[in-house]
Amino acid sequence: MRDQINNKFEGVSHKWLTIPLDSREFELVKNSILVEVEKENTFTKSDARKLANIFKEKGFAWIKFLKVTGRKNNLKSVCQVITESNYKIDINMPCKSVLELGLLNGMPKSLKLYKSGEKVKQGHNWKKPDDGFFDDIEYPFEEEFTEDGYLLYKGFHLELREKGLTLDQWHAQKGGPNWRR
């Protein structure tokens, strides 16, 4: 199991996982946050509510994977919820869950996930910024993405470029689905 997790994160510089709000893994995240609030430290109920609202607004939660600990029959994945103000809440996540959860393509702050506000509406209500980013797909970004979707897509593809990988190479490396253009 440890090797499978290491393979999942091979070549990934930012080991952030996405968690659906209707999953049992999210229940673990919620419980860890509630326990942290009860400790009466600098993490308050107000901080917990703000974080919960952000997760609800974005439609998913995110945690940072740190390491696998334990022996062969009792492995646990050590993860953290990290708030916008860098407060860290430790969570022990089952290794199987870490293997099943999706990867966040970037860091929450760089993807502006902590920013609250109106959800970006679907459709053509935004224009692609003149940021020099391009890809070889024939459809204009504005027709295919929301603003948040564009930022996630851009972050993922910039990370691939830094590693010198194409999208097909990345899928082949991760053993992903039979993906074809």
N, C-alpha and C. Protein backbone atom coordinates (compact mmCIF):
# COMPACT_ATOMS: atom_id res chain seq x y z
N MET A 1 0.84 -1.20 0.00
CA MET A 1 0.00 0.00 0.00
C MET A 1 0.88 1.25 0.00
N ARG A 2 1.96 1.21 0.77
CA ARG A 2 2.87 2.35 0.82
C ARG A 2 3.45 2.64 -0.56
N ASP A 3 3.81 1.58 -1.28
CA ASP A 3 4.36 1.75 -2.63
C ASP A 3 3.32 2.33 -3.58
N GLN A 4 2.07 1.91 -3.44
CA GLN A 4 1.01 2.45 -4.30
C GLN A 4 0.83 3.95 -4.07
N ILE A 5 0.88 4.36 -2.82
CA ILE A 5 0.74 5.79 -2.50
C ILE A 5 1.95 6.56 -3.04
N ASN A 6 3.14 6.00 -2.85
CA ASN A 6 4.33 6.67 -3.39
C ASN A 6 4.24 6.80 -4.91
N ASN A 7 3.71 5.78 -5.58
CA ASN A 7 3.54 5.85 -7.03
C ASN A 7 2.52 6.91 -7.42
N LYS A 8 1.46 7.04 -6.64
CA LYS A 8 0.44 8.04 -6.95
C LYS A 8 1.03 9.44 -6.93
N PHE A 9 1.94 9.70 -5.99
CA PHE A 9 2.50 11.04 -5.83
C PHE A 9 3.86 11.21 -6.51
N GLU A 10 4.30 10.21 -7.27
CA GLU A 10 5.58 10.32 -7.96
C GLU A 10 5.54 11.48 -8.95
N GLY A 11 6.47 12.39 -8.80
CA GLY A 11 6.54 13.54 -9.68
C GLY A 11 5.58 14.66 -9.35
N VAL A 12 4.81 14.51 -8.27
CA VAL A 12 3.85 15.55 -7.87
C VAL A 12 4.52 16.40 -6.80
N SER A 13 4.64 17.69 -7.06
CA SER A 13 5.33 18.55 -6.10
C SER A 13 4.41 19.02 -4.98
N HIS A 14 3.13 19.18 -5.25
CA HIS A 14 2.19 19.63 -4.23
C HIS A 14 1.16 18.54 -4.02
N LYS A 15 1.24 17.87 -2.90
CA LYS A 15 0.44 16.67 -2.65
C LYS A 15 -0.89 17.02 -1.96
N TRP A 16 -1.76 17.68 -2.70
CA TRP A 16 -3.07 18.08 -2.19
C TRP A 16 -4.12 17.16 -2.76
N LEU A 17 -5.04 16.71 -1.90
CA LEU A 17 -6.12 15.82 -2.30
C LEU A 17 -7.45 16.55 -2.25
N THR A 18 -8.35 16.20 -3.15
CA THR A 18 -9.70 16.75 -3.13
C THR A 18 -10.63 15.73 -2.51
N ILE A 19 -11.59 16.22 -1.73
CA ILE A 19 -12.51 15.34 -1.02
C ILE A 19 -13.94 15.77 -1.32
N PRO A 20 -14.75 14.88 -1.90
CA PRO A 20 -16.16 15.21 -2.12
C PRO A 20 -16.87 15.42 -0.78
N LEU A 21 -17.80 16.37 -0.76
CA LEU A 21 -18.48 16.71 0.50
C LEU A 21 -19.41 15.61 0.99
N ASP A 22 -19.78 14.69 0.13
CA ASP A 22 -20.69 13.62 0.54
C ASP A 22 -19.97 12.30 0.84
N SER A 23 -18.68 12.37 1.09
CA SER A 23 -17.89 11.15 1.31
C SER A 23 -17.61 10.93 2.80
N ARG A 24 -17.23 9.70 3.12
CA ARG A 24 -16.87 9.41 4.52
C ARG A 24 -15.55 10.08 4.89
N GLU A 25 -14.71 10.33 3.90
CA GLU A 25 -13.46 11.04 4.16
C GLU A 25 -13.74 12.46 4.62
N PHE A 26 -14.78 13.08 4.03
CA PHE A 26 -15.13 14.43 4.48
C PHE A 26 -15.62 14.41 5.92
N GLU A 27 -16.29 13.33 6.32
CA GLU A 27 -16.72 13.20 7.72
C GLU A 27 -15.49 13.19 8.64
N LEU A 28 -14.42 12.53 8.22
CA LEU A 28 -13.18 12.53 9.01
C LEU A 28 -12.62 13.95 9.12
N VAL A 29 -12.66 14.69 8.02
CA VAL A 29 -12.18 16.07 8.01
C VAL A 29 -13.02 16.91 8.97
N LYS A 30 -14.35 16.80 8.85
CA LYS A 30 -15.24 17.57 9.72
C LYS A 30 -15.00 17.25 11.19
N ASN A 31 -14.87 15.97 11.51
CA ASN A 31 -14.65 15.57 12.90
C ASN A 31 -13.33 16.10 13.43
N SER A 32 -12.29 16.08 12.60
CA SER A 32 -10.99 16.62 13.03
C SER A 32 -11.07 18.11 13.29
N ILE A 33 -11.83 18.82 12.46
CA ILE A 33 -12.00 20.26 12.65
C ILE A 33 -12.76 20.53 13.95
N LEU A 34 -13.81 19.75 14.20
CA LEU A 34 -14.60 19.93 15.43
C LEU A 34 -13.77 19.64 16.67
N VAL A 35 -12.95 18.60 16.63
CA VAL A 35 -12.07 18.28 17.75
C VAL A 35 -11.10 19.43 17.99
N GLU A 36 -10.59 20.02 16.93
CA GLU A 36 -9.65 21.14 17.05
C GLU A 36 -10.32 22.35 17.69
N VAL A 37 -11.58 22.59 17.35
CA VAL A 37 -12.32 23.71 17.95
C VAL A 37 -12.48 23.48 19.46
N GLU A 38 -12.75 22.25 19.85
CA GLU A 38 -12.96 21.92 21.27
C GLU A 38 -11.70 22.05 22.11
N LYS A 39 -10.54 22.05 21.50
CA LYS A 39 -9.27 22.15 22.24
C LYS A 39 -9.05 23.53 22.85
N GLU A 40 -9.87 24.49 22.47
CA GLU A 40 -9.78 25.86 22.99
C GLU A 40 -8.39 26.48 22.75
N ASN A 41 -7.93 26.38 21.54
CA ASN A 41 -6.67 27.02 21.16
C ASN A 41 -6.99 28.19 20.24
N THR A 42 -6.10 28.55 19.36
CA THR A 42 -6.33 29.72 18.51
C THR A 42 -7.30 29.46 17.37
N PHE A 43 -7.64 28.21 17.11
CA PHE A 43 -8.61 27.87 16.07
C PHE A 43 -10.01 27.93 16.68
N THR A 44 -10.80 28.87 16.23
CA THR A 44 -12.10 29.13 16.86
C THR A 44 -13.26 28.57 16.04
N LYS A 45 -14.45 28.63 16.64
CA LYS A 45 -15.66 28.21 15.93
C LYS A 45 -15.87 29.06 14.68
N SER A 46 -15.54 30.32 14.79
CA SER A 46 -15.67 31.22 13.65
C SER A 46 -14.76 30.77 12.50
N ASP A 47 -13.53 30.38 12.83
CA ASP A 47 -12.60 29.87 11.81
C ASP A 47 -13.15 28.60 11.16
N ALA A 48 -13.73 27.72 11.98
CA ALA A 48 -14.30 26.47 11.48
C ALA A 48 -15.49 26.75 10.55
N ARG A 49 -16.35 27.69 10.94
CA ARG A 49 -17.49 28.04 10.09
C ARG A 49 -17.03 28.62 8.76
N LYS A 50 -16.02 29.48 8.81
CA LYS A 50 -15.51 30.09 7.58
C LYS A 50 -14.96 29.00 6.64
N LEU A 51 -14.19 28.07 7.20
CA LEU A 51 -13.63 26.99 6.40
C LEU A 51 -14.74 26.11 5.83
N ALA A 52 -15.73 25.79 6.64
CA ALA A 52 -16.86 24.96 6.17
C ALA A 52 -17.62 25.66 5.05
N ASN A 53 -17.81 26.96 5.18
CA ASN A 53 -18.50 27.72 4.13
C ASN A 53 -17.72 27.73 2.82
N ILE A 54 -16.40 27.85 2.93
CA ILE A 54 -15.55 27.83 1.73
C ILE A 54 -15.65 26.46 1.05
N PHE A 55 -15.56 25.39 1.85
CA PHE A 55 -15.68 24.05 1.28
C PHE A 55 -17.04 23.88 0.58
N LYS A 56 -18.09 24.34 1.25
CA LYS A 56 -19.43 24.21 0.69
C LYS A 56 -19.55 25.02 -0.61
N GLU A 57 -19.00 26.22 -0.61
CA GLU A 57 -19.06 27.08 -1.80
C GLU A 57 -18.33 26.46 -2.97
N LYS A 58 -17.16 25.87 -2.70
CA LYS A 58 -16.37 25.29 -3.79
C LYS A 58 -16.87 23.91 -4.20
N GLY A 59 -17.62 23.25 -3.33
CA GLY A 59 -18.18 21.94 -3.67
C GLY A 59 -17.29 20.77 -3.30
N PHE A 60 -16.17 21.03 -2.68
CA PHE A 60 -15.26 19.98 -2.24
C PHE A 60 -14.33 20.54 -1.18
N ALA A 61 -13.69 19.64 -0.43
CA ALA A 61 -12.69 20.03 0.56
C ALA A 61 -11.33 19.62 0.02
N TRP A 62 -10.26 20.09 0.67
CA TRP A 62 -8.92 19.73 0.25
C TRP A 62 -8.05 19.55 1.49
N ILE A 63 -7.17 18.57 1.41
CA ILE A 63 -6.22 18.31 2.48
C ILE A 63 -4.86 18.06 1.84
N LYS A 64 -3.83 18.26 2.65
CA LYS A 64 -2.47 18.03 2.18
C LYS A 64 -1.99 16.68 2.70
N PHE A 65 -1.51 15.85 1.80
CA PHE A 65 -0.92 14.57 2.18
C PHE A 65 0.51 14.82 2.63
N LEU A 66 0.87 14.25 3.80
CA LEU A 66 2.24 14.43 4.31
C LEU A 66 3.08 13.17 4.18
N LYS A 67 2.58 12.05 4.76
CA LYS A 67 3.38 10.83 4.74
C LYS A 67 2.53 9.64 5.16
N VAL A 68 3.09 8.46 4.96
CA VAL A 68 2.48 7.22 5.42
C VAL A 68 3.27 6.77 6.64
N THR A 69 2.56 6.42 7.71
CA THR A 69 3.23 5.94 8.91
C THR A 69 2.68 4.57 9.30
N GLY A 70 3.41 3.89 10.15
CA GLY A 70 2.96 2.61 10.67
C GLY A 70 3.67 1.44 10.03
N ARG A 71 3.29 0.28 10.52
CA ARG A 71 3.85 -0.96 9.99
C ARG A 71 2.91 -1.56 8.95
N LYS A 72 3.34 -2.62 8.34
CA LYS A 72 2.66 -3.22 7.20
C LYS A 72 1.14 -3.41 7.41
N ASN A 73 0.74 -3.92 8.57
CA ASN A 73 -0.67 -4.22 8.80
C ASN A 73 -1.44 -3.07 9.45
N ASN A 74 -0.76 -1.97 9.76
CA ASN A 74 -1.42 -0.86 10.44
C ASN A 74 -0.93 0.48 9.87
N LEU A 75 -1.06 0.63 8.56
CA LEU A 75 -0.61 1.86 7.90
C LEU A 75 -1.67 2.94 8.00
N LYS A 76 -1.21 4.17 8.18
CA LYS A 76 -2.09 5.34 8.18
C LYS A 76 -1.41 6.43 7.36
N SER A 77 -2.24 7.22 6.71
CA SER A 77 -1.72 8.37 5.97
C SER A 77 -1.92 9.61 6.81
N VAL A 78 -0.85 10.33 7.04
CA VAL A 78 -0.92 11.57 7.81
C VAL A 78 -1.18 12.71 6.83
N CYS A 79 -2.28 13.43 7.08
CA CYS A 79 -2.67 14.54 6.23
C CYS A 79 -2.97 15.75 7.11
N GLN A 80 -3.16 16.89 6.49
CA GLN A 80 -3.49 18.11 7.22
C GLN A 80 -4.51 18.94 6.45
N VAL A 81 -5.43 19.52 7.22
CA VAL A 81 -6.24 20.61 6.69
C VAL A 81 -5.44 21.86 7.02
N ILE A 82 -5.20 22.69 6.03
CA ILE A 82 -4.45 23.92 6.26
C ILE A 82 -5.35 25.09 5.88
N THR A 83 -5.55 25.99 6.84
CA THR A 83 -6.43 27.12 6.60
C THR A 83 -5.70 28.21 5.84
N GLU A 84 -6.45 29.22 5.44
CA GLU A 84 -5.86 30.34 4.72
C GLU A 84 -4.76 31.02 5.54
N SER A 85 -4.94 31.03 6.88
CA SER A 85 -3.94 31.66 7.76
C SER A 85 -2.85 30.67 8.19
N ASN A 86 -2.76 29.53 7.49
CA ASN A 86 -1.75 28.48 7.72
C ASN A 86 -1.89 27.74 9.04
N TYR A 87 -3.08 27.74 9.63
CA TYR A 87 -3.33 26.90 10.81
C TYR A 87 -3.47 25.47 10.32
N LYS A 88 -2.78 24.53 10.97
CA LYS A 88 -2.74 23.15 10.50
C LYS A 88 -3.47 22.22 11.46
N ILE A 89 -4.35 21.41 10.90
CA ILE A 89 -5.12 20.43 11.66
C ILE A 89 -4.76 19.05 11.13
N ASP A 90 -4.19 18.21 11.98
CA ASP A 90 -3.76 16.88 11.57
C ASP A 90 -4.94 15.93 11.44
N ILE A 91 -4.85 15.07 10.43
CA ILE A 91 -5.87 14.06 10.18
C ILE A 91 -5.17 12.77 9.79
N ASN A 92 -5.57 11.66 10.41
CA ASN A 92 -5.10 10.35 9.97
C ASN A 92 -6.14 9.78 9.03
N MET A 93 -5.76 9.60 7.81
CA MET A 93 -6.67 9.14 6.76
C MET A 93 -6.29 7.71 6.39
N PRO A 94 -7.28 6.84 6.17
CA PRO A 94 -6.95 5.49 5.71
C PRO A 94 -6.18 5.55 4.38
N CYS A 95 -5.22 4.69 4.24
CA CYS A 95 -4.40 4.69 3.02
C CYS A 95 -5.24 4.41 1.78
N LYS A 96 -6.23 3.55 1.92
CA LYS A 96 -7.12 3.25 0.79
C LYS A 96 -7.82 4.52 0.30
N SER A 97 -8.21 5.36 1.23
CA SER A 97 -8.87 6.61 0.87
C SER A 97 -7.93 7.52 0.09
N VAL A 98 -6.68 7.61 0.53
CA VAL A 98 -5.71 8.46 -0.16
C VAL A 98 -5.53 8.00 -1.60
N LEU A 99 -5.56 6.69 -1.81
CA LEU A 99 -5.42 6.17 -3.17
C LEU A 99 -6.63 6.51 -4.04
N GLU A 100 -7.81 6.57 -3.41
CA GLU A 100 -9.05 6.80 -4.17
C GLU A 100 -9.34 8.28 -4.41
N LEU A 101 -8.84 9.18 -3.56
CA LEU A 101 -9.16 10.59 -3.69
C LEU A 101 -8.42 11.22 -4.88
N GLY A 102 -9.01 12.26 -5.44
CA GLY A 102 -8.41 12.96 -6.56
C GLY A 102 -7.32 13.91 -6.11
N LEU A 103 -6.48 14.32 -7.05
CA LEU A 103 -5.42 15.27 -6.76
C LEU A 103 -5.88 16.68 -7.12
N LEU A 104 -5.47 17.63 -6.29
CA LEU A 104 -5.70 19.04 -6.58
C LEU A 104 -4.50 19.51 -7.40
N ASN A 105 -4.73 20.09 -8.54
CA ASN A 105 -3.64 20.46 -9.44
C ASN A 105 -3.13 21.85 -9.12
N GLY A 106 -2.39 21.94 -8.04
CA GLY A 106 -1.85 23.21 -7.57
C GLY A 106 -2.03 23.30 -6.07
N MET A 107 -1.83 24.48 -5.55
CA MET A 107 -2.02 24.71 -4.12
C MET A 107 -3.27 25.57 -3.93
N PRO A 108 -3.98 25.35 -2.82
CA PRO A 108 -5.24 26.08 -2.61
C PRO A 108 -5.09 27.60 -2.70
N LYS A 109 -4.02 28.15 -2.17
CA LYS A 109 -3.87 29.60 -2.22
C LYS A 109 -3.61 30.09 -3.64
N SER A 110 -2.76 29.38 -4.38
CA SER A 110 -2.48 29.81 -5.75
C SER A 110 -3.70 29.63 -6.65
N LEU A 111 -4.55 28.68 -6.32
CA LEU A 111 -5.79 28.48 -7.08
C LEU A 111 -6.93 29.37 -6.57
N LYS A 112 -6.61 30.16 -5.54
CA LYS A 112 -7.57 31.10 -4.94
C LYS A 112 -8.82 30.39 -4.40
N LEU A 113 -8.62 29.20 -3.85
CA LEU A 113 -9.75 28.45 -3.32
C LEU A 113 -10.28 29.04 -2.01
N TYR A 114 -9.45 29.77 -1.29
CA TYR A 114 -9.91 30.35 -0.03
C TYR A 114 -10.71 31.63 -0.24
N LYS A 115 -10.70 32.14 -1.45
CA LYS A 115 -11.43 33.38 -1.73
C LYS A 115 -12.92 33.08 -1.80
N SER A 116 -13.66 33.79 -1.01
CA SER A 116 -15.11 33.62 -0.97
C SER A 116 -15.76 34.63 -1.89
N GLY A 117 -16.95 34.36 -2.24
CA GLY A 117 -17.69 35.29 -3.09
C GLY A 117 -18.68 34.53 -3.93
N GLU A 118 -19.24 35.21 -4.89
CA GLU A 118 -20.20 34.56 -5.76
C GLU A 118 -19.50 33.47 -6.56
N LYS A 119 -20.25 32.40 -6.77
CA LYS A 119 -19.72 31.37 -7.64
C LYS A 119 -19.63 31.94 -9.05
N VAL A 120 -18.65 31.49 -9.76
CA VAL A 120 -18.53 31.92 -11.14
C VAL A 120 -19.63 31.26 -11.94
N LYS A 121 -20.36 32.03 -12.70
CA LYS A 121 -21.47 31.50 -13.46
C LYS A 121 -20.95 30.80 -14.71
N GLN A 122 -21.67 29.75 -15.09
CA GLN A 122 -21.33 29.06 -16.32
C GLN A 122 -21.66 29.96 -17.50
N GLY A 123 -21.00 29.76 -18.58
CA GLY A 123 -21.34 30.50 -19.78
C GLY A 123 -20.22 31.42 -20.21
N HIS A 124 -20.59 32.50 -20.86
CA HIS A 124 -19.62 33.39 -21.47
C HIS A 124 -19.52 34.70 -20.71
N ASN A 125 -19.60 34.66 -19.39
CA ASN A 125 -19.60 35.89 -18.60
C ASN A 125 -18.20 36.35 -18.23
N TRP A 126 -17.19 35.69 -18.68
CA TRP A 126 -15.83 36.11 -18.38
C TRP A 126 -15.00 36.02 -19.66
N LYS A 127 -13.92 36.73 -19.66
CA LYS A 127 -12.98 36.69 -20.77
C LYS A 127 -11.65 36.15 -20.27
N LYS A 128 -11.00 35.36 -21.08
CA LYS A 128 -9.68 34.84 -20.72
C LYS A 128 -8.74 36.02 -20.53
N PRO A 129 -8.01 36.03 -19.40
CA PRO A 129 -7.05 37.12 -19.20
C PRO A 129 -5.91 37.02 -20.20
N ASP A 130 -5.30 38.15 -20.49
CA ASP A 130 -4.16 38.18 -21.41
C ASP A 130 -2.90 37.83 -20.62
N ASP A 131 -2.80 36.52 -20.25
CA ASP A 131 -1.70 36.07 -19.40
C ASP A 131 -0.65 35.25 -20.15
N GLY A 132 -0.81 35.14 -21.46
CA GLY A 132 0.18 34.43 -22.25
C GLY A 132 0.02 32.92 -22.25
N PHE A 133 -0.98 32.39 -21.53
CA PHE A 133 -1.17 30.94 -21.49
C PHE A 133 -1.94 30.49 -22.72
N PHE A 134 -1.50 29.39 -23.31
CA PHE A 134 -2.18 28.82 -24.46
C PHE A 134 -2.01 27.32 -24.43
N ASP A 135 -2.85 26.62 -25.18
CA ASP A 135 -2.67 25.20 -25.40
C ASP A 135 -3.01 24.90 -26.85
N ASP A 136 -2.91 23.63 -27.24
CA ASP A 136 -3.11 23.30 -28.65
C ASP A 136 -4.53 22.82 -28.96
N ILE A 137 -5.44 23.02 -28.05
CA ILE A 137 -6.82 22.62 -28.30
C ILE A 137 -7.53 23.73 -29.07
N GLU A 138 -8.35 23.33 -30.03
CA GLU A 138 -8.90 24.30 -30.98
C GLU A 138 -10.01 25.18 -30.45
N TYR A 139 -10.67 24.84 -29.35
CA TYR A 139 -11.80 25.63 -28.86
C TYR A 139 -11.32 26.75 -27.94
N PRO A 140 -11.91 27.92 -28.02
CA PRO A 140 -11.52 29.03 -27.14
C PRO A 140 -11.84 28.70 -25.68
N PHE A 141 -10.99 29.14 -24.77
CA PHE A 141 -11.18 28.88 -23.35
C PHE A 141 -12.54 29.36 -22.86
N GLU A 142 -12.98 30.52 -23.35
CA GLU A 142 -14.21 31.11 -22.87
C GLU A 142 -15.42 30.24 -23.15
N GLU A 143 -15.35 29.40 -24.18
CA GLU A 143 -16.46 28.53 -24.54
C GLU A 143 -16.48 27.26 -23.71
N GLU A 144 -15.37 26.90 -23.12
CA GLU A 144 -15.27 25.62 -22.44
C GLU A 144 -15.18 25.72 -20.92
N PHE A 145 -14.78 26.86 -20.37
CA PHE A 145 -14.49 26.96 -18.94
C PHE A 145 -15.23 28.09 -18.26
N THR A 146 -15.37 27.92 -16.94
CA THR A 146 -15.67 29.06 -16.09
C THR A 146 -14.33 29.67 -15.70
N GLU A 147 -14.34 30.76 -15.00
CA GLU A 147 -13.08 31.38 -14.59
C GLU A 147 -12.29 30.46 -13.67
N ASP A 148 -12.97 29.85 -12.68
CA ASP A 148 -12.29 28.93 -11.77
C ASP A 148 -11.76 27.71 -12.52
N GLY A 149 -12.56 27.20 -13.46
CA GLY A 149 -12.13 26.05 -14.25
C GLY A 149 -10.89 26.36 -15.06
N TYR A 150 -10.84 27.55 -15.62
CA TYR A 150 -9.66 27.97 -16.38
C TYR A 150 -8.42 28.01 -15.48
N LEU A 151 -8.56 28.56 -14.26
CA LEU A 151 -7.42 28.66 -13.35
C LEU A 151 -6.90 27.27 -12.97
N LEU A 152 -7.81 26.32 -12.72
CA LEU A 152 -7.39 24.95 -12.40
C LEU A 152 -6.70 24.30 -13.60
N TYR A 153 -7.30 24.46 -14.78
CA TYR A 153 -6.74 23.90 -16.00
C TYR A 153 -5.35 24.47 -16.29
N LYS A 154 -5.24 25.77 -16.17
CA LYS A 154 -3.97 26.44 -16.42
C LYS A 154 -2.90 25.97 -15.43
N GLY A 155 -3.25 25.91 -14.14
CA GLY A 155 -2.29 25.46 -13.13
C GLY A 155 -1.78 24.05 -13.40
N PHE A 156 -2.70 23.17 -13.78
CA PHE A 156 -2.34 21.79 -14.07
C PHE A 156 -1.38 21.72 -15.27
N HIS A 157 -1.72 22.43 -16.34
CA HIS A 157 -0.89 22.37 -17.55
C HIS A 157 0.46 23.07 -17.36
N LEU A 158 0.51 24.11 -16.56
CA LEU A 158 1.80 24.75 -16.28
C LEU A 158 2.70 23.80 -15.49
N GLU A 159 2.10 23.05 -14.56
CA GLU A 159 2.88 22.07 -13.80
C GLU A 159 3.41 20.98 -14.73
N LEU A 160 2.58 20.53 -15.67
CA LEU A 160 3.05 19.53 -16.64
C LEU A 160 4.21 20.08 -17.47
N ARG A 161 4.10 21.33 -17.90
CA ARG A 161 5.17 21.94 -18.70
C ARG A 161 6.47 22.02 -17.92
N GLU A 162 6.36 22.37 -16.61
CA GLU A 162 7.56 22.45 -15.78
C GLU A 162 8.26 21.10 -15.70
N LYS A 163 7.48 20.02 -15.73
CA LYS A 163 8.04 18.68 -15.63
C LYS A 163 8.42 18.11 -16.99
N GLY A 164 8.11 18.85 -18.05
CA GLY A 164 8.44 18.39 -19.39
C GLY A 164 7.56 17.25 -19.87
N LEU A 165 6.33 17.17 -19.40
CA LEU A 165 5.41 16.10 -19.76
C LEU A 165 4.28 16.61 -20.65
N THR A 166 3.81 15.73 -21.52
CA THR A 166 2.57 16.01 -22.24
C THR A 166 1.44 15.42 -21.43
N LEU A 167 0.22 15.77 -21.78
CA LEU A 167 -0.94 15.23 -21.08
C LEU A 167 -1.01 13.72 -21.23
N ASP A 168 -0.74 13.22 -22.43
CA ASP A 168 -0.76 11.77 -22.65
C ASP A 168 0.30 11.06 -21.82
N GLN A 169 1.48 11.65 -21.71
CA GLN A 169 2.55 11.05 -20.90
C GLN A 169 2.14 11.01 -19.43
N TRP A 170 1.50 12.08 -18.96
CA TRP A 170 1.07 12.14 -17.57
C TRP A 170 0.04 11.05 -17.29
N HIS A 171 -0.94 10.88 -18.20
CA HIS A 171 -1.95 9.84 -18.01
C HIS A 171 -1.31 8.46 -18.02
N ALA A 172 -0.37 8.24 -18.90
CA ALA A 172 0.31 6.95 -18.97
C ALA A 172 1.10 6.69 -17.69
N GLN A 173 1.73 7.73 -17.16
CA GLN A 173 2.51 7.62 -15.92
C GLN A 173 1.63 7.27 -14.73
N LYS A 174 0.47 7.90 -14.66
CA LYS A 174 -0.43 7.70 -13.52
C LYS A 174 -1.28 6.45 -13.67
N GLY A 175 -1.19 5.79 -14.81
CA GLY A 175 -2.01 4.60 -15.02
C GLY A 175 -3.48 4.95 -15.05
N GLY A 176 -3.77 6.13 -15.55
CA GLY A 176 -5.14 6.63 -15.57
C GLY A 176 -6.01 5.87 -16.53
N PRO A 177 -7.24 6.36 -16.69
CA PRO A 177 -8.16 5.67 -17.59
C PRO A 177 -7.64 5.69 -19.02
N ASN A 178 -8.23 4.86 -19.84
CA ASN A 178 -7.84 4.84 -21.25
C ASN A 178 -8.28 6.13 -21.87
N TRP A 179 -7.43 7.11 -21.79
CA TRP A 179 -7.76 8.46 -22.24
C TRP A 179 -7.13 8.69 -23.59
N ARG A 180 -7.92 9.18 -24.51
CA ARG A 180 -7.38 9.47 -25.85
C ARG A 180 -7.93 10.78 -26.33
N ARG A 181 -7.16 11.44 -27.13
CA ARG A 181 -7.63 12.70 -27.75
C ARG A 181 -8.45 12.37 -28.95
